[in-house]
All heavy atoms as atom14 arrays in JSON, in Angstrom:
{
  "sequence": "EWGLNVSNEQLVRPSSDFVISVYNACLEQVTSISPNVLHKPTQRALAS",
  "atom14_mask": [
    [1, 1, 1, 1, 1, 1, 1, 1, 1, 0, 0, 0, 0, 0],
    [1, 1, 1, 1, 1, 1, 1, 1, 1, 1, 1, 1, 1, 1],
    [1, 1, 1, 1, 0, 0, 0, 0, 0, 0, 0, 0, 0, 0],
    [1, 1, 1, 1, 1, 1, 1, 1, 0, 0, 0, 0, 0, 0],
    [1, 1, 1, 1, 1, 1, 1, 1, 0, 0, 0, 0, 0, 0],
    [1, 1, 1, 1, 1, 1, 1, 0, 0, 0, 0, 0, 0, 0],
    [1, 1, 1, 1, 1, 1, 0, 0, 0, 0, 0, 0, 0, 0],
    [1, 1, 1, 1, 1, 1, 1, 1, 0, 0, 0, 0, 0, 0],
    [1, 1, 1, 1, 1, 1, 1, 1, 1, 0, 0, 0, 0, 0],
    [1, 1, 1, 1, 1, 1, 1, 1, 1, 0, 0, 0, 0, 0],
    [1, 1, 1, 1, 1, 1, 1, 1, 0, 0, 0, 0, 0, 0],
    [1, 1, 1, 1, 1, 1, 1, 0, 0, 0, 0, 0, 0, 0],
    [1, 1, 1, 1, 1, 1, 1, 1, 1, 1, 1, 0, 0, 0],
    [1, 1, 1, 1, 1, 1, 1, 0, 0, 0, 0, 0, 0, 0],
    [1, 1, 1, 1, 1, 1, 0, 0, 0, 0, 0, 0, 0, 0],
    [1, 1, 1, 1, 1, 1, 0, 0, 0, 0, 0, 0, 0, 0],
    [1, 1, 1, 1, 1, 1, 1, 1, 0, 0, 0, 0, 0, 0],
    [1, 1, 1, 1, 1, 1, 1, 1, 1, 1, 1, 0, 0, 0],
    [1, 1, 1, 1, 1, 1, 1, 0, 0, 0, 0, 0, 0, 0],
    [1, 1, 1, 1, 1, 1, 1, 1, 0, 0, 0, 0, 0, 0],
    [1, 1, 1, 1, 1, 1, 0, 0, 0, 0, 0, 0, 0, 0],
    [1, 1, 1, 1, 1, 1, 1, 0, 0, 0, 0, 0, 0, 0],
    [1, 1, 1, 1, 1, 1, 1, 1, 1, 1, 1, 1, 0, 0],
    [1, 1, 1, 1, 1, 1, 1, 1, 0, 0, 0, 0, 0, 0],
    [1, 1, 1, 1, 1, 0, 0, 0, 0, 0, 0, 0, 0, 0],
    [1, 1, 1, 1, 1, 1, 0, 0, 0, 0, 0, 0, 0, 0],
    [1, 1, 1, 1, 1, 1, 1, 1, 0, 0, 0, 0, 0, 0],
    [1, 1, 1, 1, 1, 1, 1, 1, 1, 0, 0, 0, 0, 0],
    [1, 1, 1, 1, 1, 1, 1, 1, 1, 0, 0, 0, 0, 0],
    [1, 1, 1, 1, 1, 1, 1, 0, 0, 0, 0, 0, 0, 0],
    [1, 1, 1, 1, 1, 1, 1, 0, 0, 0, 0, 0, 0, 0],
    [1, 1, 1, 1, 1, 1, 0, 0, 0, 0, 0, 0, 0, 0],
    [1, 1, 1, 1, 1, 1, 1, 1, 0, 0, 0, 0, 0, 0],
    [1, 1, 1, 1, 1, 1, 0, 0, 0, 0, 0, 0, 0, 0],
    [1, 1, 1, 1, 1, 1, 1, 0, 0, 0, 0, 0, 0, 0],
    [1, 1, 1, 1, 1, 1, 1, 1, 0, 0, 0, 0, 0, 0],
    [1, 1, 1, 1, 1, 1, 1, 0, 0, 0, 0, 0, 0, 0],
    [1, 1, 1, 1, 1, 1, 1, 1, 0, 0, 0, 0, 0, 0],
    [1, 1, 1, 1, 1, 1, 1, 1, 1, 1, 0, 0, 0, 0],
    [1, 1, 1, 1, 1, 1, 1, 1, 1, 0, 0, 0, 0, 0],
    [1, 1, 1, 1, 1, 1, 1, 0, 0, 0, 0, 0, 0, 0],
    [1, 1, 1, 1, 1, 1, 1, 0, 0, 0, 0, 0, 0, 0],
    [1, 1, 1, 1, 1, 1, 1, 1, 1, 0, 0, 0, 0, 0],
    [1, 1, 1, 1, 1, 1, 1, 1, 1, 1, 1, 0, 0, 0],
    [1, 1, 1, 1, 1, 0, 0, 0, 0, 0, 0, 0, 0, 0],
    [1, 1, 1, 1, 1, 1, 1, 1, 0, 0, 0, 0, 0, 0],
    [1, 1, 1, 1, 1, 0, 0, 0, 0, 0, 0, 0, 0, 0],
    [1, 1, 1, 1, 1, 1, 0, 0, 0, 0, 0, 0, 0, 0]
  ],
  "atom14_positions": [
    [[2.28, 8.72, 19.18], [3.63, 9.2, 19.49], [3.86, 10.61, 18.97], [4.7, 11.33, 19.47], [4.66, 8.25, 18.87], [4.69, 6.88, 19.52], [5.69, 5.96, 18.82], [6.31, 6.42, 17.84], [5.84, 4.82, 19.26], [0.0, 0.0, 0.0], [0.0, 0.0, 0.0], [0.0, 0.0, 0.0], [0.0, 0.0, 0.0], [0.0, 0.0, 0.0]],
    [[3.12, 11.01, 17.94], [3.23, 12.36, 17.39], [2.19, 13.32, 17.96], [2.02, 14.43, 17.46], [3.08, 12.32, 15.87], [4.05, 11.42, 15.2], [5.27, 11.05, 15.66], [3.89, 10.75, 13.95], [5.88, 10.19, 14.8], [5.06, 9.99, 13.72], [2.89, 10.71, 13.01], [5.24, 9.21, 12.6], [3.07, 9.94, 11.88], [4.23, 9.19, 11.67]],
    [[1.43, 12.83, 18.99], [0.43, 13.69, 19.6], [-0.91, 13.67, 18.89], [-1.73, 14.57, 19.12], [0.0, 0.0, 0.0], [0.0, 0.0, 0.0], [0.0, 0.0, 0.0], [0.0, 0.0, 0.0], [0.0, 0.0, 0.0], [0.0, 0.0, 0.0], [0.0, 0.0, 0.0], [0.0, 0.0, 0.0], [0.0, 0.0, 0.0], [0.0, 0.0, 0.0]],
    [[-1.15, 12.66, 18.04], [-2.42, 12.53, 17.33], [-3.21, 11.37, 17.94], [-2.79, 10.22, 17.84], [-2.19, 12.28, 15.84], [-1.49, 13.39, 15.06], [-1.21, 12.92, 13.64], [-2.35, 14.63, 15.04], [0.0, 0.0, 0.0], [0.0, 0.0, 0.0], [0.0, 0.0, 0.0], [0.0, 0.0, 0.0], [0.0, 0.0, 0.0], [0.0, 0.0, 0.0]],
    [[-4.32, 11.68, 18.59], [-5.17, 10.66, 19.2], [-6.27, 10.31, 18.21], [-7.16, 11.12, 17.92], [-5.75, 11.17, 20.5], [-4.66, 11.42, 21.55], [-3.72, 10.65, 21.64], [-4.8, 12.49, 22.32], [0.0, 0.0, 0.0], [0.0, 0.0, 0.0], [0.0, 0.0, 0.0], [0.0, 0.0, 0.0], [0.0, 0.0, 0.0], [0.0, 0.0, 0.0]],
    [[-6.2, 9.11, 17.67], [-7.2, 8.64, 16.71], [-7.87, 7.4, 17.3], [-7.29, 6.67, 18.11], [-6.57, 8.32, 15.35], [-5.95, 9.55, 14.75], [-5.52, 7.23, 15.47], [0.0, 0.0, 0.0], [0.0, 0.0, 0.0], [0.0, 0.0, 0.0], [0.0, 0.0, 0.0], [0.0, 0.0, 0.0], [0.0, 0.0, 0.0], [0.0, 0.0, 0.0]],
    [[-9.07, 7.19, 16.86], [-9.84, 6.04, 17.35], [-9.91, 4.96, 16.29], [-9.62, 5.19, 15.11], [-11.25, 6.49, 17.75], [-11.95, 6.98, 16.6], [0.0, 0.0, 0.0], [0.0, 0.0, 0.0], [0.0, 0.0, 0.0], [0.0, 0.0, 0.0], [0.0, 0.0, 0.0], [0.0, 0.0, 0.0], [0.0, 0.0, 0.0], [0.0, 0.0, 0.0]],
    [[-10.32, 3.79, 16.75], [-10.48, 2.67, 15.83], [-11.58, 2.96, 14.82], [-11.48, 2.58, 13.64], [-10.81, 1.41, 16.64], [-10.73, 0.16, 15.78], [-10.29, 0.21, 14.65], [-11.16, -0.96, 16.32], [0.0, 0.0, 0.0], [0.0, 0.0, 0.0], [0.0, 0.0, 0.0], [0.0, 0.0, 0.0], [0.0, 0.0, 0.0], [0.0, 0.0, 0.0]],
    [[-12.64, 3.64, 15.26], [-13.74, 3.96, 14.38], [-13.3, 4.88, 13.24], [-13.73, 4.75, 12.09], [-14.86, 4.62, 15.18], [-16.11, 4.96, 14.38], [-16.83, 3.71, 13.9], [-16.62, 2.62, 14.5], [-17.6, 3.81, 12.93], [0.0, 0.0, 0.0], [0.0, 0.0, 0.0], [0.0, 0.0, 0.0], [0.0, 0.0, 0.0], [0.0, 0.0, 0.0]],
    [[-12.41, 5.84, 13.57], [-11.93, 6.77, 12.55], [-11.09, 6.06, 11.48], [-11.11, 6.46, 10.32], [-11.1, 7.88, 13.2], [-11.93, 8.87, 14.0], [-11.07, 9.89, 14.71], [-9.95, 9.58, 15.14], [-11.58, 11.1, 14.85], [0.0, 0.0, 0.0], [0.0, 0.0, 0.0], [0.0, 0.0, 0.0], [0.0, 0.0, 0.0], [0.0, 0.0, 0.0]],
    [[-10.37, 5.02, 11.89], [-9.58, 4.27, 10.91], [-10.43, 3.27, 10.13], [-10.14, 2.98, 8.96], [-8.43, 3.54, 11.62], [-7.34, 4.44, 12.2], [-6.34, 3.62, 13.0], [-6.62, 5.21, 11.1], [0.0, 0.0, 0.0], [0.0, 0.0, 0.0], [0.0, 0.0, 0.0], [0.0, 0.0, 0.0], [0.0, 0.0, 0.0], [0.0, 0.0, 0.0]],
    [[-11.48, 2.75, 10.76], [-12.34, 1.8, 10.06], [-13.24, 2.54, 9.07], [-13.45, 2.08, 7.93], [-13.18, 1.01, 11.09], [-14.23, 0.16, 10.36], [-12.28, 0.12, 11.92], [0.0, 0.0, 0.0], [0.0, 0.0, 0.0], [0.0, 0.0, 0.0], [0.0, 0.0, 0.0], [0.0, 0.0, 0.0], [0.0, 0.0, 0.0], [0.0, 0.0, 0.0]],
    [[-13.75, 3.71, 9.5], [-14.58, 4.54, 8.61], [-13.97, 5.92, 8.5], [-14.43, 6.87, 9.16], [-16.02, 4.62, 9.15], [-16.75, 3.29, 9.17], [-18.16, 3.45, 9.7], [-18.85, 2.16, 9.7], [-18.78, 1.28, 10.7], [-18.0, 1.55, 11.77], [-19.44, 0.14, 10.63], [0.0, 0.0, 0.0], [0.0, 0.0, 0.0], [0.0, 0.0, 0.0]],
    [[-12.92, 6.09, 7.72], [-12.23, 7.39, 7.65], [-13.06, 8.42, 6.9], [-13.75, 8.11, 5.93], [-10.94, 7.08, 6.9], [-11.27, 5.89, 6.07], [-12.26, 5.08, 6.86], [0.0, 0.0, 0.0], [0.0, 0.0, 0.0], [0.0, 0.0, 0.0], [0.0, 0.0, 0.0], [0.0, 0.0, 0.0], [0.0, 0.0, 0.0], [0.0, 0.0, 0.0]],
    [[-12.99, 9.66, 7.4], [-13.65, 10.78, 6.74], [-12.61, 11.66, 6.04], [-11.4, 11.52, 6.26], [-14.43, 11.61, 7.76], [-13.55, 12.17, 8.71], [0.0, 0.0, 0.0], [0.0, 0.0, 0.0], [0.0, 0.0, 0.0], [0.0, 0.0, 0.0], [0.0, 0.0, 0.0], [0.0, 0.0, 0.0], [0.0, 0.0, 0.0], [0.0, 0.0, 0.0]],
    [[-13.09, 12.59, 5.21], [-12.18, 13.46, 4.46], [-11.38, 14.37, 5.39], [-10.16, 14.51, 5.24], [-12.99, 14.29, 3.46], [-12.13, 15.18, 2.74], [0.0, 0.0, 0.0], [0.0, 0.0, 0.0], [0.0, 0.0, 0.0], [0.0, 0.0, 0.0], [0.0, 0.0, 0.0], [0.0, 0.0, 0.0], [0.0, 0.0, 0.0], [0.0, 0.0, 0.0]],
    [[-12.04, 14.98, 6.38], [-11.32, 15.87, 7.32], [-10.29, 15.09, 8.12], [-9.19, 15.59, 8.39], [-12.33, 16.54, 8.25], [-13.28, 17.47, 7.49], [-12.86, 17.95, 6.41], [-14.4, 17.69, 7.97], [0.0, 0.0, 0.0], [0.0, 0.0, 0.0], [0.0, 0.0, 0.0], [0.0, 0.0, 0.0], [0.0, 0.0, 0.0], [0.0, 0.0, 0.0]],
    [[-10.65, 13.86, 8.51], [-9.73, 13.06, 9.31], [-8.46, 12.73, 8.52], [-7.34, 12.92, 9.01], [-10.43, 11.78, 9.75], [-9.5, 10.76, 10.34], [-8.92, 10.95, 11.59], [-9.19, 9.61, 9.63], [-8.04, 10.0, 12.11], [-8.32, 8.67, 10.15], [-7.75, 8.86, 11.4], [0.0, 0.0, 0.0], [0.0, 0.0, 0.0], [0.0, 0.0, 0.0]],
    [[-8.6, 12.23, 7.28], [-7.41, 11.84, 6.52], [-6.58, 13.06, 6.16], [-5.34, 13.0, 6.14], [-7.81, 11.05, 5.26], [-8.46, 9.75, 5.62], [-8.7, 11.86, 4.35], [0.0, 0.0, 0.0], [0.0, 0.0, 0.0], [0.0, 0.0, 0.0], [0.0, 0.0, 0.0], [0.0, 0.0, 0.0], [0.0, 0.0, 0.0], [0.0, 0.0, 0.0]],
    [[-7.23, 14.21, 5.91], [-6.46, 15.41, 5.59], [-5.62, 15.84, 6.78], [-4.43, 16.17, 6.65], [-7.4, 16.54, 5.13], [-7.97, 16.23, 3.74], [-6.67, 17.88, 5.09], [-9.02, 17.21, 3.27], [0.0, 0.0, 0.0], [0.0, 0.0, 0.0], [0.0, 0.0, 0.0], [0.0, 0.0, 0.0], [0.0, 0.0, 0.0], [0.0, 0.0, 0.0]],
    [[-6.22, 15.82, 7.99], [-5.47, 16.22, 9.18], [-4.32, 15.26, 9.47], [-3.21, 15.68, 9.8], [-6.41, 16.29, 10.38], [-6.99, 15.01, 10.65], [0.0, 0.0, 0.0], [0.0, 0.0, 0.0], [0.0, 0.0, 0.0], [0.0, 0.0, 0.0], [0.0, 0.0, 0.0], [0.0, 0.0, 0.0], [0.0, 0.0, 0.0], [0.0, 0.0, 0.0]],
    [[-4.57, 13.95, 9.32], [-3.51, 12.97, 9.59], [-2.4, 13.06, 8.54], [-1.2, 13.03, 8.87], [-4.11, 11.55, 9.64], [-3.0, 10.51, 9.79], [-5.08, 11.43, 10.8], [0.0, 0.0, 0.0], [0.0, 0.0, 0.0], [0.0, 0.0, 0.0], [0.0, 0.0, 0.0], [0.0, 0.0, 0.0], [0.0, 0.0, 0.0], [0.0, 0.0, 0.0]],
    [[-2.78, 13.18, 7.25], [-1.77, 13.3, 6.2], [-0.94, 14.57, 6.37], [0.28, 14.58, 6.15], [-2.43, 13.3, 4.82], [-3.08, 11.99, 4.43], [-3.96, 11.91, 3.35], [-2.83, 10.82, 5.16], [-4.55, 10.72, 2.99], [-3.42, 9.63, 4.81], [-4.28, 9.58, 3.72], [-4.86, 8.4, 3.38], [0.0, 0.0, 0.0], [0.0, 0.0, 0.0]],
    [[-1.59, 15.66, 6.76], [-0.84, 16.91, 7.01], [0.14, 16.75, 8.16], [1.25, 17.3, 8.13], [-1.81, 18.06, 7.3], [-2.55, 18.51, 6.07], [-2.1, 18.29, 4.95], [-3.69, 19.16, 6.25], [0.0, 0.0, 0.0], [0.0, 0.0, 0.0], [0.0, 0.0, 0.0], [0.0, 0.0, 0.0], [0.0, 0.0, 0.0], [0.0, 0.0, 0.0]],
    [[-0.28, 16.0, 9.19], [0.63, 15.76, 10.32], [1.84, 14.94, 9.87], [2.98, 15.24, 10.26], [-0.11, 15.03, 11.44], [0.0, 0.0, 0.0], [0.0, 0.0, 0.0], [0.0, 0.0, 0.0], [0.0, 0.0, 0.0], [0.0, 0.0, 0.0], [0.0, 0.0, 0.0], [0.0, 0.0, 0.0], [0.0, 0.0, 0.0], [0.0, 0.0, 0.0]],
    [[1.62, 13.92, 9.05], [2.75, 13.13, 8.53], [3.67, 14.0, 7.67], [4.9, 13.92, 7.76], [2.23, 11.95, 7.73], [1.31, 10.72, 8.7], [0.0, 0.0, 0.0], [0.0, 0.0, 0.0], [0.0, 0.0, 0.0], [0.0, 0.0, 0.0], [0.0, 0.0, 0.0], [0.0, 0.0, 0.0], [0.0, 0.0, 0.0], [0.0, 0.0, 0.0]],
    [[3.05, 14.83, 6.83], [3.85, 15.73, 5.99], [4.66, 16.7, 6.84], [5.84, 16.97, 6.56], [2.93, 16.49, 5.05], [3.57, 17.53, 4.11], [4.5, 16.85, 3.12], [2.5, 18.31, 3.38], [0.0, 0.0, 0.0], [0.0, 0.0, 0.0], [0.0, 0.0, 0.0], [0.0, 0.0, 0.0], [0.0, 0.0, 0.0], [0.0, 0.0, 0.0]],
    [[4.05, 17.19, 7.9], [4.76, 18.15, 8.77], [5.89, 17.48, 9.52], [6.91, 18.1, 9.82], [3.76, 18.75, 9.75], [4.34, 19.9, 10.58], [3.28, 20.55, 11.44], [2.1, 20.13, 11.38], [3.63, 21.48, 12.18], [0.0, 0.0, 0.0], [0.0, 0.0, 0.0], [0.0, 0.0, 0.0], [0.0, 0.0, 0.0], [0.0, 0.0, 0.0]],
    [[5.77, 16.18, 9.85], [6.83, 15.48, 10.55], [8.12, 15.43, 9.74], [9.22, 15.5, 10.29], [6.38, 14.04, 10.88], [5.35, 13.94, 11.97], [5.9, 14.32, 13.33], [7.05, 14.05, 13.63], [5.07, 14.95, 14.14], [0.0, 0.0, 0.0], [0.0, 0.0, 0.0], [0.0, 0.0, 0.0], [0.0, 0.0, 0.0], [0.0, 0.0, 0.0]],
    [[7.99, 15.33, 8.42], [9.19, 15.18, 7.57], [9.64, 16.5, 6.98], [10.82, 16.85, 7.0], [8.91, 14.16, 6.44], [10.11, 14.05, 5.5], [8.58, 12.8, 7.03], [0.0, 0.0, 0.0], [0.0, 0.0, 0.0], [0.0, 0.0, 0.0], [0.0, 0.0, 0.0], [0.0, 0.0, 0.0], [0.0, 0.0, 0.0], [0.0, 0.0, 0.0]],
    [[8.7, 17.29, 6.44], [9.07, 18.5, 5.7], [8.78, 19.79, 6.44], [9.15, 20.87, 5.96], [8.31, 18.55, 4.37], [6.9, 18.61, 4.64], [8.59, 17.3, 3.54], [0.0, 0.0, 0.0], [0.0, 0.0, 0.0], [0.0, 0.0, 0.0], [0.0, 0.0, 0.0], [0.0, 0.0, 0.0], [0.0, 0.0, 0.0], [0.0, 0.0, 0.0]],
    [[8.09, 19.69, 7.64], [7.71, 20.89, 8.41], [6.78, 21.81, 7.62], [6.71, 23.01, 7.9], [8.95, 21.67, 8.86], [9.77, 20.87, 9.67], [0.0, 0.0, 0.0], [0.0, 0.0, 0.0], [0.0, 0.0, 0.0], [0.0, 0.0, 0.0], [0.0, 0.0, 0.0], [0.0, 0.0, 0.0], [0.0, 0.0, 0.0], [0.0, 0.0, 0.0]],
    [[6.1, 21.27, 6.63], [5.13, 22.04, 5.85], [3.75, 21.83, 6.47], [3.27, 20.69, 6.57], [5.13, 21.62, 4.38], [6.49, 21.95, 3.74], [4.02, 22.32, 3.61], [6.6, 21.46, 2.31], [0.0, 0.0, 0.0], [0.0, 0.0, 0.0], [0.0, 0.0, 0.0], [0.0, 0.0, 0.0], [0.0, 0.0, 0.0], [0.0, 0.0, 0.0]],
    [[3.14, 22.91, 6.9], [1.82, 22.87, 7.51], [0.92, 23.88, 6.81], [1.4, 24.72, 6.04], [1.92, 23.18, 9.01], [2.39, 24.5, 9.2], [0.0, 0.0, 0.0], [0.0, 0.0, 0.0], [0.0, 0.0, 0.0], [0.0, 0.0, 0.0], [0.0, 0.0, 0.0], [0.0, 0.0, 0.0], [0.0, 0.0, 0.0], [0.0, 0.0, 0.0]],
    [[-0.4, 23.82, 7.06], [-1.28, 24.84, 6.47], [-0.9, 26.26, 6.84], [-1.07, 27.18, 6.04], [-2.67, 24.46, 7.01], [-2.58, 22.97, 7.24], [-1.17, 22.74, 7.71], [0.0, 0.0, 0.0], [0.0, 0.0, 0.0], [0.0, 0.0, 0.0], [0.0, 0.0, 0.0], [0.0, 0.0, 0.0], [0.0, 0.0, 0.0], [0.0, 0.0, 0.0]],
    [[-0.35, 26.45, 8.04], [0.09, 27.8, 8.43], [1.27, 28.26, 7.59], [1.37, 29.43, 7.22], [0.45, 27.82, 9.91], [-0.75, 27.56, 10.81], [-1.87, 27.94, 10.45], [-0.54, 26.92, 11.94], [0.0, 0.0, 0.0], [0.0, 0.0, 0.0], [0.0, 0.0, 0.0], [0.0, 0.0, 0.0], [0.0, 0.0, 0.0], [0.0, 0.0, 0.0]],
    [[2.18, 27.33, 7.28], [3.34, 27.68, 6.46], [2.9, 28.03, 5.04], [3.46, 28.94, 4.41], [4.35, 26.53, 6.45], [5.5, 26.81, 5.49], [4.89, 26.29, 7.85], [0.0, 0.0, 0.0], [0.0, 0.0, 0.0], [0.0, 0.0, 0.0], [0.0, 0.0, 0.0], [0.0, 0.0, 0.0], [0.0, 0.0, 0.0], [0.0, 0.0, 0.0]],
    [[1.87, 27.33, 4.56], [1.4, 27.56, 3.19], [0.43, 28.74, 3.08], [-0.04, 29.03, 1.97], [0.72, 26.3, 2.65], [1.61, 25.06, 2.53], [0.78, 23.87, 2.09], [2.75, 25.3, 1.55], [0.0, 0.0, 0.0], [0.0, 0.0, 0.0], [0.0, 0.0, 0.0], [0.0, 0.0, 0.0], [0.0, 0.0, 0.0], [0.0, 0.0, 0.0]],
    [[0.15, 29.4, 4.21], [-0.81, 30.5, 4.16], [-0.26, 31.68, 3.34], [-0.96, 32.25, 2.5], [-1.14, 30.95, 5.59], [-2.1, 32.1, 5.65], [-3.44, 31.99, 5.28], [-1.91, 33.41, 5.98], [-4.02, 33.16, 5.41], [-3.12, 34.04, 5.84], [0.0, 0.0, 0.0], [0.0, 0.0, 0.0], [0.0, 0.0, 0.0], [0.0, 0.0, 0.0]],
    [[1.02, 32.04, 3.59], [1.61, 33.17, 2.87], [1.7, 32.92, 1.37], [1.32, 33.78, 0.57], [2.98, 33.5, 3.45], [2.92, 34.11, 4.84], [4.3, 34.48, 5.32], [4.24, 35.11, 6.72], [5.58, 35.48, 7.22], [0.0, 0.0, 0.0], [0.0, 0.0, 0.0], [0.0, 0.0, 0.0], [0.0, 0.0, 0.0], [0.0, 0.0, 0.0]],
    [[2.2, 31.75, 0.9], [2.18, 31.51, -0.55], [0.78, 31.55, -1.14], [0.58, 32.03, -2.27], [2.8, 30.11, -0.68], [3.63, 29.94, 0.53], [2.93, 30.69, 1.61], [0.0, 0.0, 0.0], [0.0, 0.0, 0.0], [0.0, 0.0, 0.0], [0.0, 0.0, 0.0], [0.0, 0.0, 0.0], [0.0, 0.0, 0.0], [0.0, 0.0, 0.0]],
    [[-0.2, 31.08, -0.39], [-1.58, 31.13, -0.88], [-2.04, 32.57, -1.04], [-2.68, 32.93, -2.05], [-2.5, 30.39, 0.09], [-2.03, 29.04, 0.25], [-3.93, 30.36, -0.44], [0.0, 0.0, 0.0], [0.0, 0.0, 0.0], [0.0, 0.0, 0.0], [0.0, 0.0, 0.0], [0.0, 0.0, 0.0], [0.0, 0.0, 0.0], [0.0, 0.0, 0.0]],
    [[-1.72, 33.41, -0.04], [-2.1, 34.82, -0.13], [-1.41, 35.52, -1.3], [-2.01, 36.36, -1.99], [-1.78, 35.52, 1.19], [-2.61, 35.02, 2.37], [-4.1, 35.21, 2.14], [-4.54, 36.23, 1.61], [-4.89, 34.22, 2.56], [0.0, 0.0, 0.0], [0.0, 0.0, 0.0], [0.0, 0.0, 0.0], [0.0, 0.0, 0.0], [0.0, 0.0, 0.0]],
    [[-0.13, 35.17, -1.54], [0.59, 35.76, -2.68], [-0.06, 35.33, -3.99], [-0.18, 36.12, -4.93], [2.06, 35.35, -2.65], [2.87, 36.07, -1.58], [4.36, 35.96, -1.88], [4.83, 34.6, -1.9], [5.31, 33.97, -0.83], [5.36, 34.59, 0.35], [5.75, 32.73, -0.91], [0.0, 0.0, 0.0], [0.0, 0.0, 0.0], [0.0, 0.0, 0.0]],
    [[-0.46, 34.05, -4.08], [-1.12, 33.58, -5.29], [-2.46, 34.28, -5.49], [-2.82, 34.65, -6.61], [-1.32, 32.06, -5.22], [0.0, 0.0, 0.0], [0.0, 0.0, 0.0], [0.0, 0.0, 0.0], [0.0, 0.0, 0.0], [0.0, 0.0, 0.0], [0.0, 0.0, 0.0], [0.0, 0.0, 0.0], [0.0, 0.0, 0.0], [0.0, 0.0, 0.0]],
    [[-3.19, 34.49, -4.39], [-4.46, 35.2, -4.51], [-4.25, 36.65, -4.9], [-5.03, 37.23, -5.66], [-5.22, 35.12, -3.17], [-5.78, 33.74, -2.8], [-6.33, 33.77, -1.38], [-6.86, 33.31, -3.77], [0.0, 0.0, 0.0], [0.0, 0.0, 0.0], [0.0, 0.0, 0.0], [0.0, 0.0, 0.0], [0.0, 0.0, 0.0], [0.0, 0.0, 0.0]],
    [[-3.19, 37.26, -4.37], [-2.91, 38.66, -4.7], [-2.54, 38.84, -6.16], [-2.75, 39.9, -6.75], [-1.81, 39.2, -3.8], [0.0, 0.0, 0.0], [0.0, 0.0, 0.0], [0.0, 0.0, 0.0], [0.0, 0.0, 0.0], [0.0, 0.0, 0.0], [0.0, 0.0, 0.0], [0.0, 0.0, 0.0], [0.0, 0.0, 0.0], [0.0, 0.0, 0.0]],
    [[-1.95, 37.78, -6.77], [-1.56, 37.89, -8.18], [-2.73, 37.73, -9.13], [-2.6, 37.96, -10.33], [-0.5, 36.83, -8.51], [-1.03, 35.53, -8.36], [0.0, 0.0, 0.0], [0.0, 0.0, 0.0], [0.0, 0.0, 0.0], [0.0, 0.0, 0.0], [0.0, 0.0, 0.0], [0.0, 0.0, 0.0], [0.0, 0.0, 0.0], [0.0, 0.0, 0.0]]
  ]
}
């Protein structure tokens, strides 16, 4: 329903990239925080 197509195999044997992408999608559904949104704070932290 959120546009994420996952397979039964991915849920039975989840990988690190898979769970990170799905968890980020859930986080973005509620808080609108995505890796793109966090790019600028990351760059500011690196610049400091």
